[in-house]
Amino acid sequence: MINFQIGQIVFSKSGRDKGMPFVVLNVEGEYLYLADGKYRLIAKPKKKKLKHVQPTNTVNENVAALVSGFSDSDLRKAIAEFKGI
């Protein structure tokens, strides 16, 4: 079983958002709450099962430390940094 962390960047493996990157905002049992700051905002994160996401080794420490104080634009920047944009 893979351990997910708050601030970790993951990719969706299924659904209409397949292949899209997200940041983990919360881990609750077998579910993750994900947001990307563009289509899924912090105010309304996507609830997704663990088996439907592909983890990466990248954890954005800024997001992990300050999830409650982060904005959607900060999430977009974290994902852009991961992509190398």
PDB file of N, CA and C in Angstrom:
ATOM      1  N   MET A   1       0.840  -1.187   0.000  1.00  0.00           N
ATOM      2  CA  MET A   1       0.000   0.000   0.000  1.00  0.00           C
ATOM      3  C   MET A   1       0.882   1.247   0.000  1.00  0.00           C
ATOM      4  N   ILE A   2       0.531   2.184  -0.810  1.00  0.00           N
ATOM      5  CA  ILE A   2       1.295   3.421  -0.953  1.00  0.00           C
ATOM      6  C   ILE A   2       0.780   4.430   0.065  1.00  0.00           C
ATOM      7  N   ASN A   3       1.701   5.110   0.726  1.00  0.00           N
ATOM      8  CA  ASN A   3       1.322   6.164   1.654  1.00  0.00           C
ATOM      9  C   ASN A   3       1.315   7.488   0.917  1.00  0.00           C
ATOM     10  N   PHE A   4       0.203   8.164   0.974  1.00  0.00           N
ATOM     11  CA  PHE A   4       0.078   9.467   0.349  1.00  0.00           C
ATOM     12  C   PHE A   4       0.272  10.543   1.405  1.00  0.00           C
ATOM     13  N   GLN A   5       0.825  11.685   0.984  1.00  0.00           N
ATOM     14  CA  GLN A   5       1.082  12.800   1.889  1.00  0.00           C
ATOM     15  C   GLN A   5       0.372  14.047   1.392  1.00  0.00           C
ATOM     16  N   ILE A   6       0.021  14.907   2.332  1.00  0.00           N
ATOM     17  CA  ILE A   6      -0.542  16.196   1.951  1.00  0.00           C
ATOM     18  C   ILE A   6       0.535  16.983   1.221  1.00  0.00           C
ATOM     19  N   GLY A   7       0.183  17.572   0.095  1.00  0.00           N
ATOM     20  CA  GLY A   7       1.128  18.309  -0.718  1.00  0.00           C
ATOM     21  C   GLY A   7       1.742  17.487  -1.843  1.00  0.00           C
ATOM     22  N   GLN A   8       1.471  16.182  -1.870  1.00  0.00           N
ATOM     23  CA  GLN A   8       2.018  15.307  -2.908  1.00  0.00           C
ATOM     24  C   GLN A   8       1.280  15.533  -4.225  1.00  0.00           C
ATOM     25  N   ILE A   9       2.028  15.492  -5.301  1.00  0.00           N
ATOM     26  CA  ILE A   9       1.424  15.625  -6.634  1.00  0.00           C
ATOM     27  C   ILE A   9       1.113  14.229  -7.152  1.00  0.00           C
ATOM     28  N   VAL A  10      -0.116  14.050  -7.630  1.00  0.00           N
ATOM     29  CA  VAL A  10      -0.575  12.766  -8.149  1.00  0.00           C
ATOM     30  C   VAL A  10      -1.252  12.998  -9.500  1.00  0.00           C
ATOM     31  N   PHE A  11      -1.389  11.922 -10.261  1.00  0.00           N
ATOM     32  CA  PHE A  11      -2.094  11.962 -11.539  1.00  0.00           C
ATOM     33  C   PHE A  11      -3.327  11.073 -11.454  1.00  0.00           C
ATOM     34  N   SER A  12      -4.409  11.525 -12.034  1.00  0.00           N
ATOM     35  CA  SER A  12      -5.637  10.748 -12.084  1.00  0.00           C
ATOM     36  C   SER A  12      -5.467   9.620 -13.097  1.00  0.00           C
ATOM     37  N   LYS A  13      -5.871   8.395 -12.709  1.00  0.00           N
ATOM     38  CA  LYS A  13      -5.778   7.247 -13.600  1.00  0.00           C
ATOM     39  C   LYS A  13      -7.111   6.908 -14.258  1.00  0.00           C
ATOM     40  N   SER A  14      -8.198   7.497 -13.771  1.00  0.00           N
ATOM     41  CA  SER A  14      -9.503   7.163 -14.339  1.00  0.00           C
ATOM     42  C   SER A  14     -10.453   8.340 -14.227  1.00  0.00           C
ATOM     43  N   GLY A  15     -11.530   8.245 -14.968  1.00  0.00           N
ATOM     44  CA  GLY A  15     -12.519   9.315 -14.978  1.00  0.00           C
ATOM     45  C   GLY A  15     -12.241  10.298 -16.091  1.00  0.00           C
ATOM     46  N   ARG A  16     -13.081  11.321 -16.174  1.00  0.00           N
ATOM     47  CA  ARG A  16     -12.899  12.297 -17.253  1.00  0.00           C
ATOM     48  C   ARG A  16     -11.698  13.200 -17.028  1.00  0.00           C
ATOM     49  N   ASP A  17     -11.141  13.182 -15.815  1.00  0.00           N
ATOM     50  CA  ASP A  17      -9.932  13.955 -15.524  1.00  0.00           C
ATOM     51  C   ASP A  17      -8.668  13.100 -15.646  1.00  0.00           C
ATOM     52  N   LYS A  18      -8.758  11.972 -16.341  1.00  0.00           N
ATOM     53  CA  LYS A  18      -7.644  11.040 -16.508  1.00  0.00           C
ATOM     54  C   LYS A  18      -6.406  11.751 -17.056  1.00  0.00           C
ATOM     55  N   GLY A  19      -5.272  11.520 -16.401  1.00  0.00           N
ATOM     56  CA  GLY A  19      -4.009  12.090 -16.837  1.00  0.00           C
ATOM     57  C   GLY A  19      -3.708  13.476 -16.286  1.00  0.00           C
ATOM     58  N   MET A  20      -4.647  14.061 -15.576  1.00  0.00           N
ATOM     59  CA  MET A  20      -4.446  15.414 -15.049  1.00  0.00           C
ATOM     60  C   MET A  20      -3.715  15.371 -13.711  1.00  0.00           C
ATOM     61  N   PRO A  21      -2.819  16.343 -13.483  1.00  0.00           N
ATOM     62  CA  PRO A  21      -2.128  16.400 -12.189  1.00  0.00           C
ATOM     63  C   PRO A  21      -2.983  17.102 -11.138  1.00  0.00           C
ATOM     64  N   PHE A  22      -2.859  16.625  -9.902  1.00  0.00           N
ATOM     65  CA  PHE A  22      -3.550  17.212  -8.762  1.00  0.00           C
ATOM     66  C   PHE A  22      -2.606  17.254  -7.575  1.00  0.00           C
ATOM     67  N   VAL A  23      -2.950  18.063  -6.588  1.00  0.00           N
ATOM     68  CA  VAL A  23      -2.218  18.116  -5.329  1.00  0.00           C
ATOM     69  C   VAL A  23      -3.127  17.536  -4.255  1.00  0.00           C
ATOM     70  N   VAL A  24      -2.558  16.657  -3.413  1.00  0.00           N
ATOM     71  CA  VAL A  24      -3.318  16.049  -2.324  1.00  0.00           C
ATOM     72  C   VAL A  24      -3.519  17.080  -1.224  1.00  0.00           C
ATOM     73  N   LEU A  25      -4.784  17.345  -0.876  1.00  0.00           N
ATOM     74  CA  LEU A  25      -5.106  18.284   0.195  1.00  0.00           C
ATOM     75  C   LEU A  25      -5.403  17.572   1.509  1.00  0.00           C
ATOM     76  N   ASN A  26      -5.935  16.344   1.406  1.00  0.00           N
ATOM     77  CA  ASN A  26      -6.291  15.604   2.611  1.00  0.00           C
ATOM     78  C   ASN A  26      -6.348  14.123   2.271  1.00  0.00           C
ATOM     79  N   VAL A  27      -6.009  13.282   3.257  1.00  0.00           N
ATOM     80  CA  VAL A  27      -6.106  11.832   3.120  1.00  0.00           C
ATOM     81  C   VAL A  27      -7.078  11.360   4.187  1.00  0.00           C
ATOM     82  N   GLU A  28      -8.115  10.634   3.753  1.00  0.00           N
ATOM     83  CA  GLU A  28      -9.147  10.179   4.672  1.00  0.00           C
ATOM     84  C   GLU A  28      -9.503   8.734   4.343  1.00  0.00           C
ATOM     85  N   GLY A  29      -8.905   7.792   5.059  1.00  0.00           N
ATOM     86  CA  GLY A  29      -9.162   6.374   4.793  1.00  0.00           C
ATOM     87  C   GLY A  29      -8.679   5.991   3.408  1.00  0.00           C
ATOM     88  N   GLU A  30      -9.604   5.484   2.577  1.00  0.00           N
ATOM     89  CA  GLU A  30      -9.229   5.083   1.218  1.00  0.00           C
ATOM     90  C   GLU A  30      -9.490   6.184   0.192  1.00  0.00           C
ATOM     91  N   TYR A  31      -9.759   7.384   0.675  1.00  0.00           N
ATOM     92  CA  TYR A  31     -10.047   8.509  -0.217  1.00  0.00           C
ATOM     93  C   TYR A  31      -9.017   9.627  -0.077  1.00  0.00           C
ATOM     94  N   LEU A  32      -8.788  10.295  -1.198  1.00  0.00           N
ATOM     95  CA  LEU A  32      -7.944  11.494  -1.234  1.00  0.00           C
ATOM     96  C   LEU A  32      -8.817  12.665  -1.653  1.00  0.00           C
ATOM     97  N   TYR A  33      -8.507  13.836  -1.130  1.00  0.00           N
ATOM     98  CA  TYR A  33      -9.158  15.064  -1.571  1.00  0.00           C
ATOM     99  C   TYR A  33      -8.130  15.840  -2.379  1.00  0.00           C
ATOM    100  N   LEU A  34      -8.440  16.078  -3.645  1.00  0.00           N
ATOM    101  CA  LEU A  34      -7.484  16.636  -4.602  1.00  0.00           C
ATOM    102  C   LEU A  34      -7.971  17.954  -5.178  1.00  0.00           C
ATOM    103  N   ALA A  35      -7.021  18.813  -5.501  1.00  0.00           N
ATOM    104  CA  ALA A  35      -7.339  20.073  -6.181  1.00  0.00           C
ATOM    105  C   ALA A  35      -6.189  20.410  -7.113  1.00  0.00           C
ATOM    106  N   ASP A  36      -6.508  21.172  -8.165  1.00  0.00           N
ATOM    107  CA  ASP A  36      -5.467  21.628  -9.088  1.00  0.00           C
ATOM    108  C   ASP A  36      -5.430  23.145  -9.199  1.00  0.00           C
ATOM    109  N   GLY A  37      -6.378  23.824  -8.577  1.00  0.00           N
ATOM    110  CA  GLY A  37      -6.388  25.284  -8.589  1.00  0.00           C
ATOM    111  C   GLY A  37      -7.010  25.894  -9.829  1.00  0.00           C
ATOM    112  N   LYS A  38      -7.346  25.058 -10.820  1.00  0.00           N
ATOM    113  CA  LYS A  38      -7.937  25.576 -12.051  1.00  0.00           C
ATOM    114  C   LYS A  38      -9.341  25.008 -12.254  1.00  0.00           C
ATOM    115  N   TYR A  39      -9.428  23.698 -12.399  1.00  0.00           N
ATOM    116  CA  TYR A  39     -10.725  23.057 -12.597  1.00  0.00           C
ATOM    117  C   TYR A  39     -11.324  22.595 -11.274  1.00  0.00           C
ATOM    118  N   ARG A  40     -10.465  22.186 -10.368  1.00  0.00           N
ATOM    119  CA  ARG A  40     -10.883  21.776  -9.030  1.00  0.00           C
ATOM    120  C   ARG A  40     -10.240  22.716  -8.037  1.00  0.00           C
ATOM    121  N   LEU A  41     -11.062  23.528  -7.400  1.00  0.00           N
ATOM    122  CA  LEU A  41     -10.561  24.549  -6.487  1.00  0.00           C
ATOM    123  C   LEU A  41     -10.436  24.002  -5.074  1.00  0.00           C
ATOM    124  N   ILE A  42      -9.665  24.703  -4.249  1.00  0.00           N
ATOM    125  CA  ILE A  42      -9.475  24.293  -2.864  1.00  0.00           C
ATOM    126  C   ILE A  42     -10.812  24.255  -2.129  1.00  0.00           C
ATOM    127  N   ALA A  43     -11.702  25.180  -2.453  1.00  0.00           N
ATOM    128  CA  ALA A  43     -13.001  25.250  -1.787  1.00  0.00           C
ATOM    129  C   ALA A  43     -13.873  24.028  -2.077  1.00  0.00           C
ATOM    130  N   LYS A  44     -13.629  23.354  -3.217  1.00  0.00           N
ATOM    131  CA  LYS A  44     -14.433  22.186  -3.588  1.00  0.00           C
ATOM    132  C   LYS A  44     -13.522  21.116  -4.195  1.00  0.00           C
ATOM    133  N   PRO A  45     -12.727  20.435  -3.340  1.00  0.00           N
ATOM    134  CA  PRO A  45     -11.780  19.442  -3.857  1.00  0.00           C
ATOM    135  C   PRO A  45     -12.475  18.191  -4.391  1.00  0.00           C
ATOM    136  N   LYS A  46     -11.765  17.476  -5.238  1.00  0.00           N
ATOM    137  CA  LYS A  46     -12.249  16.228  -5.832  1.00  0.00           C
ATOM    138  C   LYS A  46     -11.972  15.097  -4.856  1.00  0.00           C
ATOM    139  N   LYS A  47     -12.978  14.286  -4.567  1.00  0.00           N
ATOM    140  CA  LYS A  47     -12.826  13.115  -3.717  1.00  0.00           C
ATOM    141  C   LYS A  47     -12.579  11.921  -4.624  1.00  0.00           C
ATOM    142  N   LYS A  48     -11.431  11.268  -4.448  1.00  0.00           N
ATOM    143  CA  LYS A  48     -11.058  10.177  -5.343  1.00  0.00           C
ATOM    144  C   LYS A  48     -10.473   9.025  -4.533  1.00  0.00           C
ATOM    145  N   LYS A  49     -10.774   7.796  -4.936  1.00  0.00           N
ATOM    146  CA  LYS A  49     -10.221   6.625  -4.262  1.00  0.00           C
ATOM    147  C   LYS A  49      -8.728   6.504  -4.552  1.00  0.00           C
ATOM    148  N   LEU A  50      -8.011   5.913  -3.584  1.00  0.00           N
ATOM    149  CA  LEU A  50      -6.563   5.739  -3.718  1.00  0.00           C
ATOM    150  C   LEU A  50      -6.191   4.974  -4.983  1.00  0.00           C
ATOM    151  N   LYS A  51      -6.976   3.958  -5.324  1.00  0.00           N
ATOM    152  CA  LYS A  51      -6.633   3.125  -6.474  1.00  0.00           C
ATOM    153  C   LYS A  51      -6.801   3.857  -7.806  1.00  0.00           C
ATOM    154  N   HIS A  52      -7.438   5.020  -7.803  1.00  0.00           N
ATOM    155  CA  HIS A  52      -7.666   5.763  -9.034  1.00  0.00           C
ATOM    156  C   HIS A  52      -6.666   6.883  -9.268  1.00  0.00           C
ATOM    157  N   VAL A  53      -5.588   6.915  -8.484  1.00  0.00           N
ATOM    158  CA  VAL A  53      -4.552   7.926  -8.693  1.00  0.00           C
ATOM    159  C   VAL A  53      -3.182   7.273  -8.786  1.00  0.00           C
ATOM    160  N   GLN A  54      -2.307   7.901  -9.562  1.00  0.00           N
ATOM    161  CA  GLN A  54      -0.921   7.464  -9.723  1.00  0.00           C
ATOM    162  C   GLN A  54      -0.042   8.436  -8.948  1.00  0.00           C
ATOM    163  N   PRO A  55       0.634   7.973  -7.898  1.00  0.00           N
ATOM    164  CA  PRO A  55       1.462   8.892  -7.106  1.00  0.00           C
ATOM    165  C   PRO A  55       2.758   9.256  -7.824  1.00  0.00           C
ATOM    166  N   THR A  56       3.322  10.374  -7.439  1.00  0.00           N
ATOM    167  CA  THR A  56       4.663  10.751  -7.863  1.00  0.00           C
ATOM    168  C   THR A  56       5.504  10.867  -6.595  1.00  0.00           C
ATOM    169  N   ASN A  57       6.793  11.024  -6.759  1.00  0.00           N
ATOM    170  CA  ASN A  57       7.680  11.185  -5.610  1.00  0.00           C
ATOM    171  C   ASN A  57       7.795  12.638  -5.198  1.00  0.00           C
ATOM    172  N   THR A  58       7.067  13.518  -5.836  1.00  0.00           N
ATOM    173  CA  THR A  58       7.163  14.951  -5.575  1.00  0.00           C
ATOM    174  C   THR A  58       6.150  15.385  -4.530  1.00  0.00           C
ATOM    175  N   VAL A  59       6.669  15.983  -3.459  1.00  0.00           N
ATOM    176  CA  VAL A  59       5.814  16.561  -2.425  1.00  0.00           C
ATOM    177  C   VAL A  59       6.201  18.026  -2.305  1.00  0.00           C
ATOM    178  N   ASN A  60       5.257  18.911  -2.534  1.00  0.00           N
ATOM    179  CA  ASN A  60       5.514  20.337  -2.405  1.00  0.00           C
ATOM    180  C   ASN A  60       5.415  20.699  -0.930  1.00  0.00           C
ATOM    181  N   GLU A  61       6.556  20.971  -0.314  1.00  0.00           N
ATOM    182  CA  GLU A  61       6.608  21.229   1.127  1.00  0.00           C
ATOM    183  C   GLU A  61       5.831  22.486   1.510  1.00  0.00           C
ATOM    184  N   ASN A  62       5.800  23.481   0.642  1.00  0.00           N
ATOM    185  CA  ASN A  62       5.042  24.699   0.945  1.00  0.00           C
ATOM    186  C   ASN A  62       3.563  24.398   1.083  1.00  0.00           C
ATOM    187  N   VAL A  63       3.033  23.591   0.191  1.00  0.00           N
ATOM    188  CA  VAL A  63       1.621  23.225   0.256  1.00  0.00           C
ATOM    189  C   VAL A  63       1.382  22.354   1.485  1.00  0.00           C
ATOM    190  N   ALA A  64       2.284  21.415   1.747  1.00  0.00           N
ATOM    191  CA  ALA A  64       2.119  20.515   2.879  1.00  0.00           C
ATOM    192  C   ALA A  64       2.080  21.272   4.204  1.00  0.00           C
ATOM    193  N   ALA A  65       2.878  22.313   4.330  1.00  0.00           N
ATOM    194  CA  ALA A  65       2.954  23.067   5.584  1.00  0.00           C
ATOM    195  C   ALA A  65       1.789  24.035   5.754  1.00  0.00           C
ATOM    196  N   LEU A  66       1.263  24.572   4.654  1.00  0.00           N
ATOM    197  CA  LEU A  66       0.284  25.653   4.750  1.00  0.00           C
ATOM    198  C   LEU A  66      -0.975  25.420   3.921  1.00  0.00           C
ATOM    199  N   VAL A  67      -1.519  24.214   3.929  1.00  0.00           N
ATOM    200  CA  VAL A  67      -2.682  23.918   3.087  1.00  0.00           C
ATOM    201  C   VAL A  67      -3.812  24.900   3.355  1.00  0.00           C
ATOM    202  N   SER A  68      -4.078  25.202   4.613  1.00  0.00           N
ATOM    203  CA  SER A  68      -5.213  26.082   4.911  1.00  0.00           C
ATOM    204  C   SER A  68      -4.957  27.520   4.472  1.00  0.00           C
ATOM    205  N   GLY A  69      -3.686  27.922   4.359  1.00  0.00           N
ATOM    206  CA  GLY A  69      -3.374  29.289   3.968  1.00  0.00           C
ATOM    207  C   GLY A  69      -3.024  29.433   2.496  1.00  0.00           C
ATOM    208  N   PHE A  70      -3.190  28.373   1.728  1.00  0.00           N
ATOM    209  CA  PHE A  70      -2.820  28.408   0.326  1.00  0.00           C
ATOM    210  C   PHE A  70      -4.006  28.788  -0.545  1.00  0.00           C
ATOM    211  N   SER A  71      -3.704  29.396  -1.673  1.00  0.00           N
ATOM    212  CA  SER A  71      -4.750  29.784  -2.615  1.00  0.00           C
ATOM    213  C   SER A  71      -4.682  28.880  -3.842  1.00  0.00           C
ATOM    214  N   ASP A  72      -5.672  29.002  -4.692  1.00  0.00           N
ATOM    215  CA  ASP A  72      -5.701  28.208  -5.915  1.00  0.00           C
ATOM    216  C   ASP A  72      -4.530  28.550  -6.830  1.00  0.00           C
ATOM    217  N   SER A  73      -4.136  29.810  -6.852  1.00  0.00           N
ATOM    218  CA  SER A  73      -3.007  30.192  -7.707  1.00  0.00           C
ATOM    219  C   SER A  73      -1.708  29.563  -7.201  1.00  0.00           C
ATOM    220  N   ASP A  74      -1.578  29.376  -5.897  1.00  0.00           N
ATOM    221  CA  ASP A  74      -0.397  28.707  -5.352  1.00  0.00           C
ATOM    222  C   ASP A  74      -0.353  27.242  -5.792  1.00  0.00           C
ATOM    223  N   LEU A  75      -1.504  26.598  -5.861  1.00  0.00           N
ATOM    224  CA  LEU A  75      -1.554  25.213  -6.348  1.00  0.00           C
ATOM    225  C   LEU A  75      -1.168  25.144  -7.814  1.00  0.00           C
ATOM    226  N   ARG A  76      -1.663  26.097  -8.607  1.00  0.00           N
ATOM    227  CA  ARG A  76      -1.307  26.119 -10.038  1.00  0.00           C
ATOM    228  C   ARG A  76       0.198  26.291 -10.209  1.00  0.00           C
ATOM    229  N   LYS A  77       0.816  27.133  -9.385  1.00  0.00           N
ATOM    230  CA  LYS A  77       2.267  27.341  -9.457  1.00  0.00           C
ATOM    231  C   LYS A  77       3.017  26.073  -9.077  1.00  0.00           C
ATOM    232  N   ALA A  78       2.550  25.353  -8.038  1.00  0.00           N
ATOM    233  CA  ALA A  78       3.200  24.122  -7.613  1.00  0.00           C
ATOM    234  C   ALA A  78       3.144  23.068  -8.716  1.00  0.00           C
ATOM    235  N   ILE A  79       2.008  22.964  -9.401  1.00  0.00           N
ATOM    236  CA  ILE A  79       1.882  21.993 -10.491  1.00  0.00           C
ATOM    237  C   ILE A  79       2.744  22.426 -11.680  1.00  0.00           C
ATOM    238  N   ALA A  80       2.805  23.703 -11.971  1.00  0.00           N
ATOM    239  CA  ALA A  80       3.638  24.206 -13.057  1.00  0.00           C
ATOM    240  C   ALA A  80       5.112  23.933 -12.779  1.00  0.00           C
ATOM    241  N   GLU A  81       5.546  24.097 -11.536  1.00  0.00           N
ATOM    242  CA  GLU A  81       6.936  23.787 -11.167  1.00  0.00           C
ATOM    243  C   GLU A  81       7.225  22.318 -11.395  1.00  0.00           C
ATOM    244  N   PHE A  82       6.276  21.448 -11.027  1.00  0.00           N
ATOM    245  CA  PHE A  82       6.449  20.019 -11.217  1.00  0.00           C
ATOM    246  C   PHE A  82       6.588  19.675 -12.695  1.00  0.00           C
ATOM    247  N   LYS A  83       5.757  20.306 -13.529  1.00  0.00           N
ATOM    248  CA  LYS A  83       5.809  20.060 -14.972  1.00  0.00           C
ATOM    249  C   LYS A  83       7.032  20.679 -15.633  1.00  0.00           C
ATOM    250  N   GLY A  84       7.675  21.624 -14.936  1.00  0.00           N
ATOM    251  CA  GLY A  84       8.835  22.295 -15.505  1.00  0.00           C
ATOM    252  C   GLY A  84       8.471  23.456 -16.416  1.00  0.00           C
ATOM    253  N   ILE A  85       7.305  24.017 -16.195  1.00  0.00           N
ATOM    254  CA  ILE A  85       6.850  25.139 -17.036  1.00  0.00           C
ATOM    255  C   ILE A  85       7.365  26.437 -16.458  1.00  0.00           C
TER     256      ILE A  85
END
